[in-house]
Amino acid sequence: MSRRDPRVRLLHMRDYAQKAVAMVEGQARASLDRDEKLRLALTHLVELVGEAADHVPAEIQAQYPEIPWLKAISMRHRLIHGYDFVDYDILWDTVTQSLPGLIATLDRILEKA
């Protein structure tokens, strides 16, 4: 599988999302306020999910409308360009509420690919 293969980007999305979800397992939202390393790691992993999503060709994105492409890419842009203010409640909700569903969707897609 080459870097240009869109499945590579889908794998990256899934793998980074899985890492983020694993990092918060057993944690409470307050952990994010106390742990700078956790904040930085989750921010970066969510950025990477969005970056990988942005590199999936539009025709592949169109085949999988169940993936919130624009939200993932927009979140990445917001985190990168709005680095001076990150809403950690939104970040927490993204990791705990949105990423598990994204992982399940990507798993289904990748099983078929």
C-alpha atoms as a PDB file:
ATOM      1  CA  MET A   1       0.000   0.000   0.000  1.00  0.00           C
ATOM      2  CA  SER A   2       1.573   3.289  -1.093  1.00  0.00           C
ATOM      3  CA  ARG A   3       1.189   6.654   0.636  1.00  0.00           C
ATOM      4  CA  ARG A   4      -1.033   7.726  -2.260  1.00  0.00           C
ATOM      5  CA  ASP A   5      -3.467   4.910  -1.653  1.00  0.00           C
ATOM      6  CA  PRO A   6      -6.514   6.559  -0.001  1.00  0.00           C
ATOM      7  CA  ARG A   7      -6.806   3.578   2.350  1.00  0.00           C
ATOM      8  CA  VAL A   8      -3.583   4.761   3.994  1.00  0.00           C
ATOM      9  CA  ARG A   9      -5.288   8.025   4.964  1.00  0.00           C
ATOM     10  CA  LEU A  10      -8.328   6.127   6.255  1.00  0.00           C
ATOM     11  CA  LEU A  11      -6.008   3.939   8.328  1.00  0.00           C
ATOM     12  CA  HIS A  12      -4.277   7.027   9.686  1.00  0.00           C
ATOM     13  CA  MET A  13      -7.626   8.549  10.640  1.00  0.00           C
ATOM     14  CA  ARG A  14      -8.653   5.376  12.446  1.00  0.00           C
ATOM     15  CA  ASP A  15      -5.313   4.846  14.161  1.00  0.00           C
ATOM     16  CA  TYR A  16      -5.049   8.412  15.469  1.00  0.00           C
ATOM     17  CA  ALA A  17      -8.662   8.340  16.616  1.00  0.00           C
ATOM     18  CA  GLN A  18      -8.044   5.039  18.415  1.00  0.00           C
ATOM     19  CA  LYS A  19      -5.015   6.492  20.190  1.00  0.00           C
ATOM     20  CA  ALA A  20      -7.020   9.501  21.353  1.00  0.00           C
ATOM     21  CA  VAL A  21      -9.896   7.360  22.621  1.00  0.00           C
ATOM     22  CA  ALA A  22      -7.482   5.018  24.405  1.00  0.00           C
ATOM     23  CA  MET A  23      -5.837   7.978  26.152  1.00  0.00           C
ATOM     24  CA  VAL A  24      -9.098   9.039  27.805  1.00  0.00           C
ATOM     25  CA  GLU A  25     -10.243   5.564  28.776  1.00  0.00           C
ATOM     26  CA  GLY A  26     -11.048   5.597  32.482  1.00  0.00           C
ATOM     27  CA  GLN A  27     -10.475   9.362  32.675  1.00  0.00           C
ATOM     28  CA  ALA A  28     -12.889  12.095  33.630  1.00  0.00           C
ATOM     29  CA  ARG A  29     -13.201  15.452  31.897  1.00  0.00           C
ATOM     30  CA  ALA A  30     -11.335  17.051  34.837  1.00  0.00           C
ATOM     31  CA  SER A  31      -8.238  15.084  33.801  1.00  0.00           C
ATOM     32  CA  LEU A  32      -7.923  17.376  30.822  1.00  0.00           C
ATOM     33  CA  ASP A  33      -7.763  20.429  33.075  1.00  0.00           C
ATOM     34  CA  ARG A  34      -5.062  18.890  35.284  1.00  0.00           C
ATOM     35  CA  ASP A  35      -2.860  17.209  32.689  1.00  0.00           C
ATOM     36  CA  GLU A  36      -1.118  19.390  30.132  1.00  0.00           C
ATOM     37  CA  LYS A  37       0.426  16.368  28.406  1.00  0.00           C
ATOM     38  CA  LEU A  38      -3.037  14.896  27.907  1.00  0.00           C
ATOM     39  CA  ARG A  39      -4.332  18.211  26.491  1.00  0.00           C
ATOM     40  CA  LEU A  40      -1.420  18.477  24.093  1.00  0.00           C
ATOM     41  CA  ALA A  41      -1.612  14.853  23.009  1.00  0.00           C
ATOM     42  CA  LEU A  42      -5.363  14.898  22.376  1.00  0.00           C
ATOM     43  CA  THR A  43      -5.137  18.195  20.531  1.00  0.00           C
ATOM     44  CA  HIS A  44      -2.429  16.816  18.275  1.00  0.00           C
ATOM     45  CA  LEU A  45      -4.198  13.517  17.636  1.00  0.00           C
ATOM     46  CA  VAL A  46      -7.427  15.268  16.655  1.00  0.00           C
ATOM     47  CA  GLU A  47      -5.397  17.548  14.379  1.00  0.00           C
ATOM     48  CA  LEU A  48      -3.901  14.463  12.741  1.00  0.00           C
ATOM     49  CA  VAL A  49      -7.337  12.908  12.198  1.00  0.00           C
ATOM     50  CA  GLY A  50      -8.403  16.081  10.391  1.00  0.00           C
ATOM     51  CA  GLU A  51      -5.182  16.302   8.394  1.00  0.00           C
ATOM     52  CA  ALA A  52      -5.546  12.719   7.209  1.00  0.00           C
ATOM     53  CA  ALA A  53      -9.196  13.392   6.321  1.00  0.00           C
ATOM     54  CA  ASP A  54      -8.145  16.403   4.277  1.00  0.00           C
ATOM     55  CA  HIS A  55      -5.855  14.178   2.203  1.00  0.00           C
ATOM     56  CA  VAL A  56      -8.595  11.732   1.253  1.00  0.00           C
ATOM     57  CA  PRO A  57      -9.566  12.527  -2.348  1.00  0.00           C
ATOM     58  CA  ALA A  58     -12.969  14.167  -2.842  1.00  0.00           C
ATOM     59  CA  GLU A  59     -14.272  11.227  -4.869  1.00  0.00           C
ATOM     60  CA  ILE A  60     -13.483   8.851  -1.993  1.00  0.00           C
ATOM     61  CA  GLN A  61     -15.059  11.245   0.499  1.00  0.00           C
ATOM     62  CA  ALA A  62     -18.202  11.289  -1.647  1.00  0.00           C
ATOM     63  CA  GLN A  63     -18.405   7.488  -1.447  1.00  0.00           C
ATOM     64  CA  TYR A  64     -18.606   7.670   2.350  1.00  0.00           C
ATOM     65  CA  PRO A  65     -21.000  10.479   3.322  1.00  0.00           C
ATOM     66  CA  GLU A  66     -21.431   8.894   6.766  1.00  0.00           C
ATOM     67  CA  ILE A  67     -18.001  10.251   7.686  1.00  0.00           C
ATOM     68  CA  PRO A  68     -18.178  13.890   8.816  1.00  0.00           C
ATOM     69  CA  TRP A  69     -15.327  14.967   6.536  1.00  0.00           C
ATOM     70  CA  LEU A  70     -15.922  18.695   6.799  1.00  0.00           C
ATOM     71  CA  LYS A  71     -16.230  18.576  10.596  1.00  0.00           C
ATOM     72  CA  ALA A  72     -12.969  16.644  10.947  1.00  0.00           C
ATOM     73  CA  ILE A  73     -11.115  18.962   8.588  1.00  0.00           C
ATOM     74  CA  SER A  74     -12.641  22.095  10.143  1.00  0.00           C
ATOM     75  CA  MET A  75     -11.716  20.893  13.629  1.00  0.00           C
ATOM     76  CA  ARG A  76      -8.135  20.456  12.480  1.00  0.00           C
ATOM     77  CA  HIS A  77      -8.080  23.981  11.021  1.00  0.00           C
ATOM     78  CA  ARG A  78      -9.555  25.422  14.195  1.00  0.00           C
ATOM     79  CA  LEU A  79      -6.998  23.686  16.398  1.00  0.00           C
ATOM     80  CA  ILE A  80      -4.047  24.647  14.195  1.00  0.00           C
ATOM     81  CA  HIS A  81      -5.014  28.232  13.437  1.00  0.00           C
ATOM     82  CA  GLY A  82      -6.779  28.969  16.712  1.00  0.00           C
ATOM     83  CA  TYR A  83      -3.998  27.449  18.763  1.00  0.00           C
ATOM     84  CA  ASP A  84      -4.125  30.318  21.252  1.00  0.00           C
ATOM     85  CA  PHE A  85      -7.596  29.302  22.406  1.00  0.00           C
ATOM     86  CA  VAL A  86      -8.712  25.686  22.423  1.00  0.00           C
ATOM     87  CA  ASP A  87     -12.134  24.914  23.853  1.00  0.00           C
ATOM     88  CA  TYR A  88     -11.279  21.799  25.846  1.00  0.00           C
ATOM     89  CA  ASP A  89     -14.938  20.941  26.389  1.00  0.00           C
ATOM     90  CA  ILE A  90     -15.337  20.605  22.621  1.00  0.00           C
ATOM     91  CA  LEU A  91     -12.098  18.639  22.383  1.00  0.00           C
ATOM     92  CA  TRP A  92     -13.253  16.287  25.165  1.00  0.00           C
ATOM     93  CA  ASP A  93     -16.652  15.771  23.532  1.00  0.00           C
ATOM     94  CA  THR A  94     -14.994  15.103  20.187  1.00  0.00           C
ATOM     95  CA  VAL A  95     -12.724  12.436  21.641  1.00  0.00           C
ATOM     96  CA  THR A  96     -15.312  10.799  23.891  1.00  0.00           C
ATOM     97  CA  GLN A  97     -18.481  11.184  21.809  1.00  0.00           C
ATOM     98  CA  SER A  98     -17.520  11.529  18.134  1.00  0.00           C
ATOM     99  CA  LEU A  99     -14.347   9.534  17.653  1.00  0.00           C
ATOM    100  CA  PRO A 100     -15.698   6.142  18.803  1.00  0.00           C
ATOM    101  CA  GLY A 101     -18.376   6.291  16.088  1.00  0.00           C
ATOM    102  CA  LEU A 102     -15.817   7.425  13.532  1.00  0.00           C
ATOM    103  CA  ILE A 103     -13.592   4.490  14.445  1.00  0.00           C
ATOM    104  CA  ALA A 104     -16.489   2.036  13.992  1.00  0.00           C
ATOM    105  CA  THR A 105     -17.357   3.560  10.610  1.00  0.00           C
ATOM    106  CA  LEU A 106     -13.748   3.467   9.437  1.00  0.00           C
ATOM    107  CA  ASP A 107     -13.426  -0.148  10.593  1.00  0.00           C
ATOM    108  CA  ARG A 108     -16.435  -1.096   8.437  1.00  0.00           C
ATOM    109  CA  ILE A 109     -15.054   0.770   5.432  1.00  0.00           C
ATOM    110  CA  LEU A 110     -11.585  -0.683   5.806  1.00  0.00           C
ATOM    111  CA  GLU A 111     -12.928  -4.235   6.131  1.00  0.00           C
ATOM    112  CA  LYS A 112     -14.514  -3.854   2.690  1.00  0.00           C
ATOM    113  CA  ALA A 113     -11.510  -2.146   1.080  1.00  0.00           C
END
